[in-house]
Amino acid sequence: FSYEWLRYPIFPWIGWLHTNRNITIADLNNDAIATLIHTRFALSAAVIMENRQQWRFLTFGVLGSYYSCKSYECNRFIEEVEVRKISIHPN
């Protein structure tokens, strides 16, 4: 039995925020998670988003399968999108 699926959930609407293109396992240690709530919008905790310059990309998908993939078709497991704007609610 492997607990890896607990660390890298397979819900397609859960994404990881990261600084550089092509997410790494080290990026996952930040626990900066966002939830896709619309095709153009994701929601995350304000405390995560305070450093607006840090988050440039958001990756959705099955990261456990992506990192264990041994074929040339590994990118089918994830989708990376660029963060264009961060808005923090005033409250």
PDB file of N, CA and C in Angstrom:
ATOM      1  N   PHE A   1       0.845  -1.187   0.000  1.00  0.00           N
ATOM      2  CA  PHE A   1       0.000   0.000   0.000  1.00  0.00           C
ATOM      3  C   PHE A   1       0.882   1.238   0.000  1.00  0.00           C
ATOM      4  N   SER A   2       0.592   2.170  -0.852  1.00  0.00           N
ATOM      5  CA  SER A   2       1.389   3.390  -0.958  1.00  0.00           C
ATOM      6  C   SER A   2       0.551   4.602  -0.555  1.00  0.00           C
ATOM      7  N   TYR A   3       1.152   5.483   0.214  1.00  0.00           N
ATOM      8  CA  TYR A   3       0.474   6.708   0.629  1.00  0.00           C
ATOM      9  C   TYR A   3       0.748   7.871  -0.313  1.00  0.00           C
ATOM     10  N   GLU A   4       1.424   7.621  -1.426  1.00  0.00           N
ATOM     11  CA  GLU A   4       1.779   8.689  -2.361  1.00  0.00           C
ATOM     12  C   GLU A   4       0.556   9.437  -2.871  1.00  0.00           C
ATOM     13  N   TRP A   5      -0.553   8.744  -3.066  1.00  0.00           N
ATOM     14  CA  TRP A   5      -1.760   9.388  -3.586  1.00  0.00           C
ATOM     15  C   TRP A   5      -2.306  10.427  -2.621  1.00  0.00           C
ATOM     16  N   LEU A   6      -1.982  10.307  -1.318  1.00  0.00           N
ATOM     17  CA  LEU A   6      -2.419  11.323  -0.359  1.00  0.00           C
ATOM     18  C   LEU A   6      -1.653  12.629  -0.560  1.00  0.00           C
ATOM     19  N   ARG A   7      -0.393  12.517  -0.921  1.00  0.00           N
ATOM     20  CA  ARG A   7       0.442  13.701  -1.120  1.00  0.00           C
ATOM     21  C   ARG A   7       0.148  14.385  -2.449  1.00  0.00           C
ATOM     22  N   TYR A   8      -0.165  13.609  -3.465  1.00  0.00           N
ATOM     23  CA  TYR A   8      -0.425  14.134  -4.794  1.00  0.00           C
ATOM     24  C   TYR A   8      -1.820  13.719  -5.242  1.00  0.00           C
ATOM     25  N   PRO A   9      -2.852  14.387  -4.764  1.00  0.00           N
ATOM     26  CA  PRO A   9      -4.222  13.985  -5.113  1.00  0.00           C
ATOM     27  C   PRO A   9      -4.472  14.059  -6.613  1.00  0.00           C
ATOM     28  N   ILE A  10      -5.466  13.310  -7.069  1.00  0.00           N
ATOM     29  CA  ILE A  10      -5.726  13.213  -8.504  1.00  0.00           C
ATOM     30  C   ILE A  10      -6.949  14.008  -8.933  1.00  0.00           C
ATOM     31  N   PHE A  11      -7.388  14.914  -8.115  1.00  0.00           N
ATOM     32  CA  PHE A  11      -8.530  15.735  -8.486  1.00  0.00           C
ATOM     33  C   PHE A  11      -8.096  16.740  -9.546  1.00  0.00           C
ATOM     34  N   PRO A  12      -8.743  16.763 -10.694  1.00  0.00           N
ATOM     35  CA  PRO A  12      -8.276  17.625 -11.787  1.00  0.00           C
ATOM     36  C   PRO A  12      -8.440  19.117 -11.527  1.00  0.00           C
ATOM     37  N   TRP A  13      -9.199  19.503 -10.530  1.00  0.00           N
ATOM     38  CA  TRP A  13      -9.425  20.926 -10.253  1.00  0.00           C
ATOM     39  C   TRP A  13      -8.470  21.461  -9.186  1.00  0.00           C
ATOM     40  N   ILE A  14      -7.581  20.613  -8.651  1.00  0.00           N
ATOM     41  CA  ILE A  14      -6.590  21.031  -7.665  1.00  0.00           C
ATOM     42  C   ILE A  14      -5.271  21.275  -8.389  1.00  0.00           C
ATOM     43  N   GLY A  15      -4.660  22.436  -8.145  1.00  0.00           N
ATOM     44  CA  GLY A  15      -3.399  22.762  -8.805  1.00  0.00           C
ATOM     45  C   GLY A  15      -2.353  23.248  -7.821  1.00  0.00           C
ATOM     46  N   TRP A  16      -1.107  23.171  -8.231  1.00  0.00           N
ATOM     47  CA  TRP A  16       0.014  23.621  -7.423  1.00  0.00           C
ATOM     48  C   TRP A  16       0.604  24.875  -8.034  1.00  0.00           C
ATOM     49  N   LEU A  17       0.799  25.888  -7.196  1.00  0.00           N
ATOM     50  CA  LEU A  17       1.441  27.133  -7.630  1.00  0.00           C
ATOM     51  C   LEU A  17       2.955  26.966  -7.554  1.00  0.00           C
ATOM     52  N   HIS A  18       3.663  27.496  -8.535  1.00  0.00           N
ATOM     53  CA  HIS A  18       5.118  27.418  -8.511  1.00  0.00           C
ATOM     54  C   HIS A  18       5.719  28.588  -9.276  1.00  0.00           C
ATOM     55  N   THR A  19       7.013  28.805  -9.079  1.00  0.00           N
ATOM     56  CA  THR A  19       7.700  29.974  -9.604  1.00  0.00           C
ATOM     57  C   THR A  19       8.171  29.812 -11.044  1.00  0.00           C
ATOM     58  N   ASN A  20       8.768  28.678 -11.348  1.00  0.00           N
ATOM     59  CA  ASN A  20       9.365  28.459 -12.667  1.00  0.00           C
ATOM     60  C   ASN A  20       8.539  27.492 -13.499  1.00  0.00           C
ATOM     61  N   ARG A  21       8.673  27.603 -14.808  1.00  0.00           N
ATOM     62  CA  ARG A  21       8.011  26.669 -15.719  1.00  0.00           C
ATOM     63  C   ARG A  21       8.524  25.255 -15.423  1.00  0.00           C
ATOM     64  N   ASN A  22       7.723  24.248 -15.703  1.00  0.00           N
ATOM     65  CA  ASN A  22       8.070  22.839 -15.468  1.00  0.00           C
ATOM     66  C   ASN A  22       8.233  22.553 -13.975  1.00  0.00           C
ATOM     67  N   ILE A  23       7.131  22.276 -13.334  1.00  0.00           N
ATOM     68  CA  ILE A  23       7.081  22.026 -11.896  1.00  0.00           C
ATOM     69  C   ILE A  23       8.031  20.902 -11.486  1.00  0.00           C
ATOM     70  N   THR A  24       8.660  21.075 -10.320  1.00  0.00           N
ATOM     71  CA  THR A  24       9.562  20.063  -9.774  1.00  0.00           C
ATOM     72  C   THR A  24       8.978  19.525  -8.476  1.00  0.00           C
ATOM     73  N   ILE A  25       9.525  18.430  -8.003  1.00  0.00           N
ATOM     74  CA  ILE A  25       9.069  17.871  -6.728  1.00  0.00           C
ATOM     75  C   ILE A  25       9.345  18.862  -5.605  1.00  0.00           C
ATOM     76  N   ALA A  26      10.437  19.605  -5.678  1.00  0.00           N
ATOM     77  CA  ALA A  26      10.747  20.620  -4.660  1.00  0.00           C
ATOM     78  C   ALA A  26       9.654  21.681  -4.589  1.00  0.00           C
ATOM     79  N   ASP A  27       9.055  22.025  -5.727  1.00  0.00           N
ATOM     80  CA  ASP A  27       7.964  23.007  -5.737  1.00  0.00           C
ATOM     81  C   ASP A  27       6.768  22.525  -4.935  1.00  0.00           C
ATOM     82  N   LEU A  28       6.561  21.227  -4.893  1.00  0.00           N
ATOM     83  CA  LEU A  28       5.410  20.682  -4.177  1.00  0.00           C
ATOM     84  C   LEU A  28       5.556  20.830  -2.671  1.00  0.00           C
ATOM     85  N   ASN A  29       6.773  20.980  -2.177  1.00  0.00           N
ATOM     86  CA  ASN A  29       6.995  21.145  -0.743  1.00  0.00           C
ATOM     87  C   ASN A  29       6.462  22.471  -0.220  1.00  0.00           C
ATOM     88  N   ASN A  30       6.186  23.424  -1.104  1.00  0.00           N
ATOM     89  CA  ASN A  30       5.627  24.710  -0.676  1.00  0.00           C
ATOM     90  C   ASN A  30       4.179  24.591  -0.228  1.00  0.00           C
ATOM     91  N   ASP A  31       3.504  23.517  -0.602  1.00  0.00           N
ATOM     92  CA  ASP A  31       2.082  23.333  -0.286  1.00  0.00           C
ATOM     93  C   ASP A  31       1.241  24.526  -0.709  1.00  0.00           C
ATOM     94  N   ALA A  32       1.586  25.133  -1.808  1.00  0.00           N
ATOM     95  CA  ALA A  32       0.825  26.258  -2.351  1.00  0.00           C
ATOM     96  C   ALA A  32      -0.186  25.706  -3.350  1.00  0.00           C
ATOM     97  N   ILE A  33      -1.377  25.448  -2.858  1.00  0.00           N
ATOM     98  CA  ILE A  33      -2.411  24.794  -3.655  1.00  0.00           C
ATOM     99  C   ILE A  33      -3.507  25.796  -3.990  1.00  0.00           C
ATOM    100  N   ALA A  34      -4.041  25.672  -5.188  1.00  0.00           N
ATOM    101  CA  ALA A  34      -5.166  26.495  -5.631  1.00  0.00           C
ATOM    102  C   ALA A  34      -6.231  25.575  -6.221  1.00  0.00           C
ATOM    103  N   THR A  35      -7.479  26.018  -6.147  1.00  0.00           N
ATOM    104  CA  THR A  35      -8.606  25.254  -6.675  1.00  0.00           C
ATOM    105  C   THR A  35      -9.188  25.979  -7.872  1.00  0.00           C
ATOM    106  N   LEU A  36      -9.333  25.267  -8.966  1.00  0.00           N
ATOM    107  CA  LEU A  36      -9.926  25.834 -10.168  1.00  0.00           C
ATOM    108  C   LEU A  36     -11.423  26.007  -9.931  1.00  0.00           C
ATOM    109  N   ILE A  37     -11.922  27.248 -10.024  1.00  0.00           N
ATOM    110  CA  ILE A  37     -13.347  27.506  -9.795  1.00  0.00           C
ATOM    111  C   ILE A  37     -14.061  27.961 -11.063  1.00  0.00           C
ATOM    112  N   HIS A  38     -13.309  28.171 -12.129  1.00  0.00           N
ATOM    113  CA  HIS A  38     -13.838  28.603 -13.424  1.00  0.00           C
ATOM    114  C   HIS A  38     -12.738  28.327 -14.439  1.00  0.00           C
ATOM    115  N   THR A  39     -13.046  28.330 -15.697  1.00  0.00           N
ATOM    116  CA  THR A  39     -12.007  28.068 -16.695  1.00  0.00           C
ATOM    117  C   THR A  39     -10.900  29.118 -16.688  1.00  0.00           C
ATOM    118  N   ARG A  40     -11.179  30.285 -16.119  1.00  0.00           N
ATOM    119  CA  ARG A  40     -10.179  31.361 -16.080  1.00  0.00           C
ATOM    120  C   ARG A  40      -9.731  31.758 -14.681  1.00  0.00           C
ATOM    121  N   PHE A  41     -10.298  31.150 -13.630  1.00  0.00           N
ATOM    122  CA  PHE A  41     -10.011  31.596 -12.272  1.00  0.00           C
ATOM    123  C   PHE A  41      -9.724  30.423 -11.344  1.00  0.00           C
ATOM    124  N   ALA A  42      -8.745  30.653 -10.453  1.00  0.00           N
ATOM    125  CA  ALA A  42      -8.428  29.690  -9.399  1.00  0.00           C
ATOM    126  C   ALA A  42      -8.463  30.436  -8.070  1.00  0.00           C
ATOM    127  N   LEU A  43      -8.760  29.718  -7.008  1.00  0.00           N
ATOM    128  CA  LEU A  43      -8.900  30.302  -5.676  1.00  0.00           C
ATOM    129  C   LEU A  43      -7.886  29.662  -4.740  1.00  0.00           C
ATOM    130  N   SER A  44      -7.221  30.495  -3.937  1.00  0.00           N
ATOM    131  CA  SER A  44      -6.252  30.011  -2.968  1.00  0.00           C
ATOM    132  C   SER A  44      -6.348  30.870  -1.715  1.00  0.00           C
ATOM    133  N   ALA A  45      -5.703  30.439  -0.650  1.00  0.00           N
ATOM    134  CA  ALA A  45      -5.697  31.206   0.595  1.00  0.00           C
ATOM    135  C   ALA A  45      -4.896  32.495   0.408  1.00  0.00           C
ATOM    136  N   ALA A  46      -5.377  33.582   0.983  1.00  0.00           N
ATOM    137  CA  ALA A  46      -4.708  34.882   0.843  1.00  0.00           C
ATOM    138  C   ALA A  46      -3.285  34.844   1.386  1.00  0.00           C
ATOM    139  N   VAL A  47      -3.059  34.102   2.450  1.00  0.00           N
ATOM    140  CA  VAL A  47      -1.722  34.042   3.046  1.00  0.00           C
ATOM    141  C   VAL A  47      -0.716  33.432   2.063  1.00  0.00           C
ATOM    142  N   ILE A  48      -1.158  32.536   1.220  1.00  0.00           N
ATOM    143  CA  ILE A  48      -0.282  31.952   0.200  1.00  0.00           C
ATOM    144  C   ILE A  48       0.045  32.980  -0.875  1.00  0.00           C
ATOM    145  N   MET A  49      -0.925  33.805  -1.210  1.00  0.00           N
ATOM    146  CA  MET A  49      -0.788  34.722  -2.340  1.00  0.00           C
ATOM    147  C   MET A  49      -0.128  36.054  -1.992  1.00  0.00           C
ATOM    148  N   GLU A  50       0.217  36.281  -0.730  1.00  0.00           N
ATOM    149  CA  GLU A  50       0.789  37.569  -0.328  1.00  0.00           C
ATOM    150  C   GLU A  50       2.044  37.932  -1.118  1.00  0.00           C
ATOM    151  N   ASN A  51       2.884  36.959  -1.406  1.00  0.00           N
ATOM    152  CA  ASN A  51       4.079  37.210  -2.213  1.00  0.00           C
ATOM    153  C   ASN A  51       3.706  37.005  -3.679  1.00  0.00           C
ATOM    154  N   ARG A  52       3.108  38.009  -4.277  1.00  0.00           N
ATOM    155  CA  ARG A  52       2.551  37.904  -5.633  1.00  0.00           C
ATOM    156  C   ARG A  52       3.598  37.586  -6.695  1.00  0.00           C
ATOM    157  N   GLN A  53       4.820  38.031  -6.511  1.00  0.00           N
ATOM    158  CA  GLN A  53       5.860  37.805  -7.517  1.00  0.00           C
ATOM    159  C   GLN A  53       6.322  36.354  -7.561  1.00  0.00           C
ATOM    160  N   GLN A  54       6.104  35.626  -6.476  1.00  0.00           N
ATOM    161  CA  GLN A  54       6.584  34.248  -6.407  1.00  0.00           C
ATOM    162  C   GLN A  54       5.807  33.312  -7.327  1.00  0.00           C
ATOM    163  N   TRP A  55       4.522  33.492  -7.455  1.00  0.00           N
ATOM    164  CA  TRP A  55       3.681  32.531  -8.168  1.00  0.00           C
ATOM    165  C   TRP A  55       3.482  32.945  -9.614  1.00  0.00           C
ATOM    166  N   ARG A  56       4.107  32.245 -10.525  1.00  0.00           N
ATOM    167  CA  ARG A  56       4.021  32.551 -11.950  1.00  0.00           C
ATOM    168  C   ARG A  56       3.283  31.470 -12.740  1.00  0.00           C
ATOM    169  N   PHE A  57       3.201  30.256 -12.181  1.00  0.00           N
ATOM    170  CA  PHE A  57       2.583  29.144 -12.903  1.00  0.00           C
ATOM    171  C   PHE A  57       1.716  28.316 -11.966  1.00  0.00           C
ATOM    172  N   LEU A  58       0.753  27.650 -12.556  1.00  0.00           N
ATOM    173  CA  LEU A  58      -0.175  26.787 -11.829  1.00  0.00           C
ATOM    174  C   LEU A  58      -0.293  25.499 -12.635  1.00  0.00           C
ATOM    175  N   THR A  59      -0.030  24.370 -11.983  1.00  0.00           N
ATOM    176  CA  THR A  59      -0.066  23.082 -12.675  1.00  0.00           C
ATOM    177  C   THR A  59      -1.184  22.226 -12.104  1.00  0.00           C
ATOM    178  N   PHE A  60      -2.035  21.748 -12.995  1.00  0.00           N
ATOM    179  CA  PHE A  60      -3.137  20.861 -12.638  1.00  0.00           C
ATOM    180  C   PHE A  60      -2.846  19.469 -13.173  1.00  0.00           C
ATOM    181  N   GLY A  61      -3.406  18.464 -12.515  1.00  0.00           N
ATOM    182  CA  GLY A  61      -3.307  17.116 -13.064  1.00  0.00           C
ATOM    183  C   GLY A  61      -2.833  16.087 -12.066  1.00  0.00           C
ATOM    184  N   VAL A  62      -2.483  14.931 -12.582  1.00  0.00           N
ATOM    185  CA  VAL A  62      -2.085  13.777 -11.786  1.00  0.00           C
ATOM    186  C   VAL A  62      -0.562  13.792 -11.650  1.00  0.00           C
ATOM    187  N   LEU A  63      -0.068  14.527 -10.660  1.00  0.00           N
ATOM    188  CA  LEU A  63       1.377  14.701 -10.526  1.00  0.00           C
ATOM    189  C   LEU A  63       2.092  13.421 -10.129  1.00  0.00           C
ATOM    190  N   GLY A  64       1.462  12.568  -9.343  1.00  0.00           N
ATOM    191  CA  GLY A  64       2.082  11.289  -8.986  1.00  0.00           C
ATOM    192  C   GLY A  64       2.382  10.466 -10.220  1.00  0.00           C
ATOM    193  N   SER A  65       1.444  10.405 -11.145  1.00  0.00           N
ATOM    194  CA  SER A  65       1.661   9.670 -12.398  1.00  0.00           C
ATOM    195  C   SER A  65       2.686  10.372 -13.280  1.00  0.00           C
ATOM    196  N   TYR A  66       2.687  11.685 -13.264  1.00  0.00           N
ATOM    197  CA  TYR A  66       3.639  12.458 -14.064  1.00  0.00           C
ATOM    198  C   TYR A  66       5.075  12.163 -13.636  1.00  0.00           C
ATOM    199  N   TYR A  67       5.336  12.157 -12.323  1.00  0.00           N
ATOM    200  CA  TYR A  67       6.694  11.935 -11.839  1.00  0.00           C
ATOM    201  C   TYR A  67       7.140  10.486 -11.951  1.00  0.00           C
ATOM    202  N   SER A  68       6.209   9.546 -11.963  1.00  0.00           N
ATOM    203  CA  SER A  68       6.588   8.141 -12.103  1.00  0.00           C
ATOM    204  C   SER A  68       6.543   7.672 -13.555  1.00  0.00           C
ATOM    205  N   CYS A  69       6.171   8.535 -14.468  1.00  0.00           N
ATOM    206  CA  CYS A  69       6.043   8.199 -15.888  1.00  0.00           C
ATOM    207  C   CYS A  69       7.415   7.889 -16.496  1.00  0.00           C
ATOM    208  N   LYS A  70       7.453   6.830 -17.274  1.00  0.00           N
ATOM    209  CA  LYS A  70       8.708   6.435 -17.905  1.00  0.00           C
ATOM    210  C   LYS A  70       8.605   6.439 -19.429  1.00  0.00           C
ATOM    211  N   SER A  71       7.614   7.118 -19.962  1.00  0.00           N
ATOM    212  CA  SER A  71       7.465   7.172 -21.417  1.00  0.00           C
ATOM    213  C   SER A  71       7.601   8.610 -21.894  1.00  0.00           C
ATOM    214  N   TYR A  72       7.525   8.804 -23.170  1.00  0.00           N
ATOM    215  CA  TYR A  72       7.645  10.140 -23.746  1.00  0.00           C
ATOM    216  C   TYR A  72       6.327  10.909 -23.698  1.00  0.00           C
ATOM    217  N   GLU A  73       5.251  10.282 -23.271  1.00  0.00           N
ATOM    218  CA  GLU A  73       3.933  10.926 -23.234  1.00  0.00           C
ATOM    219  C   GLU A  73       3.550  11.412 -21.835  1.00  0.00           C
ATOM    220  N   CYS A  74       4.502  11.754 -21.026  1.00  0.00           N
ATOM    221  CA  CYS A  74       4.237  12.117 -19.632  1.00  0.00           C
ATOM    222  C   CYS A  74       3.425  13.399 -19.489  1.00  0.00           C
ATOM    223  N   ASN A  75       3.545  14.316 -20.423  1.00  0.00           N
ATOM    224  CA  ASN A  75       2.826  15.587 -20.314  1.00  0.00           C
ATOM    225  C   ASN A  75       1.319  15.434 -20.411  1.00  0.00           C
ATOM    226  N   ARG A  76       0.828  14.286 -20.800  1.00  0.00           N
ATOM    227  CA  ARG A  76      -0.621  14.078 -20.857  1.00  0.00           C
ATOM    228  C   ARG A  76      -1.242  14.037 -19.462  1.00  0.00           C
ATOM    229  N   PHE A  77      -0.422  13.865 -18.431  1.00  0.00           N
ATOM    230  CA  PHE A  77      -0.926  13.789 -17.067  1.00  0.00           C
ATOM    231  C   PHE A  77      -1.162  15.157 -16.431  1.00  0.00           C
ATOM    232  N   ILE A  78      -0.538  16.202 -16.965  1.00  0.00           N
ATOM    233  CA  ILE A  78      -0.635  17.519 -16.331  1.00  0.00           C
ATOM    234  C   ILE A  78      -0.936  18.605 -17.357  1.00  0.00           C
ATOM    235  N   GLU A  79      -1.372  19.750 -16.831  1.00  0.00           N
ATOM    236  CA  GLU A  79      -1.533  20.952 -17.650  1.00  0.00           C
ATOM    237  C   GLU A  79      -1.000  22.132 -16.854  1.00  0.00           C
ATOM    238  N   GLU A  80      -0.065  22.844 -17.434  1.00  0.00           N
ATOM    239  CA  GLU A  80       0.539  24.000 -16.784  1.00  0.00           C
ATOM    240  C   GLU A  80       0.003  25.271 -17.424  1.00  0.00           C
ATOM    241  N   VAL A  81      -0.416  26.216 -16.583  1.00  0.00           N
ATOM    242  CA  VAL A  81      -0.921  27.494 -17.084  1.00  0.00           C
ATOM    243  C   VAL A  81      -0.153  28.633 -16.409  1.00  0.00           C
ATOM    244  N   GLU A  82      -0.073  29.739 -17.104  1.00  0.00           N
ATOM    245  CA  GLU A  82       0.617  30.911 -16.574  1.00  0.00           C
ATOM    246  C   GLU A  82      -0.346  31.737 -15.728  1.00  0.00           C
ATOM    247  N   VAL A  83       0.136  32.210 -14.578  1.00  0.00           N
ATOM    248  CA  VAL A  83      -0.646  33.099 -13.724  1.00  0.00           C
ATOM    249  C   VAL A  83      -0.509  34.499 -14.298  1.00  0.00           C
ATOM    250  N   ARG A  84      -1.615  35.101 -14.668  1.00  0.00           N
ATOM    251  CA  ARG A  84      -1.570  36.435 -15.277  1.00  0.00           C
ATOM    252  C   ARG A  84      -1.804  37.555 -14.273  1.00  0.00           C
ATOM    253  N   LYS A  85      -2.656  37.307 -13.295  1.00  0.00           N
ATOM    254  CA  LYS A  85      -2.988  38.354 -12.332  1.00  0.00           C
ATOM    255  C   LYS A  85      -3.389  37.704 -11.020  1.00  0.00           C
ATOM    256  N   ILE A  86      -2.999  38.337  -9.918  1.00  0.00           N
ATOM    257  CA  ILE A  86      -3.377  37.868  -8.589  1.00  0.00           C
ATOM    258  C   ILE A  86      -4.149  38.985  -7.905  1.00  0.00           C
ATOM    259  N   SER A  87      -5.343  38.671  -7.456  1.00  0.00           N
ATOM    260  CA  SER A  87      -6.178  39.627  -6.719  1.00  0.00           C
ATOM    261  C   SER A  87      -6.429  39.064  -5.333  1.00  0.00           C
ATOM    262  N   ILE A  88      -6.170  39.866  -4.314  1.00  0.00           N
ATOM    263  CA  ILE A  88      -6.402  39.442  -2.933  1.00  0.00           C
ATOM    264  C   ILE A  88      -7.583  40.221  -2.389  1.00  0.00           C
ATOM    265  N   HIS A  89      -8.548  39.490  -1.845  1.00  0.00           N
ATOM    266  CA  HIS A  89      -9.736  40.119  -1.263  1.00  0.00           C
ATOM    267  C   HIS A  89      -9.307  40.994  -0.088  1.00  0.00           C
ATOM    268  N   PRO A  90      -9.872  42.177   0.078  1.00  0.00           N
ATOM    269  CA  PRO A  90      -9.431  43.108   1.125  1.00  0.00           C
ATOM    270  C   PRO A  90      -9.720  42.660   2.554  1.00  0.00           C
ATOM    271  N   ASN A  91     -10.595  41.711   2.748  1.00  0.00           N
ATOM    272  CA  ASN A  91     -10.905  41.286   4.125  1.00  0.00           C
ATOM    273  C   ASN A  91     -10.034  40.174   4.557  1.00  0.00           C
TER     274      ASN A  91
END
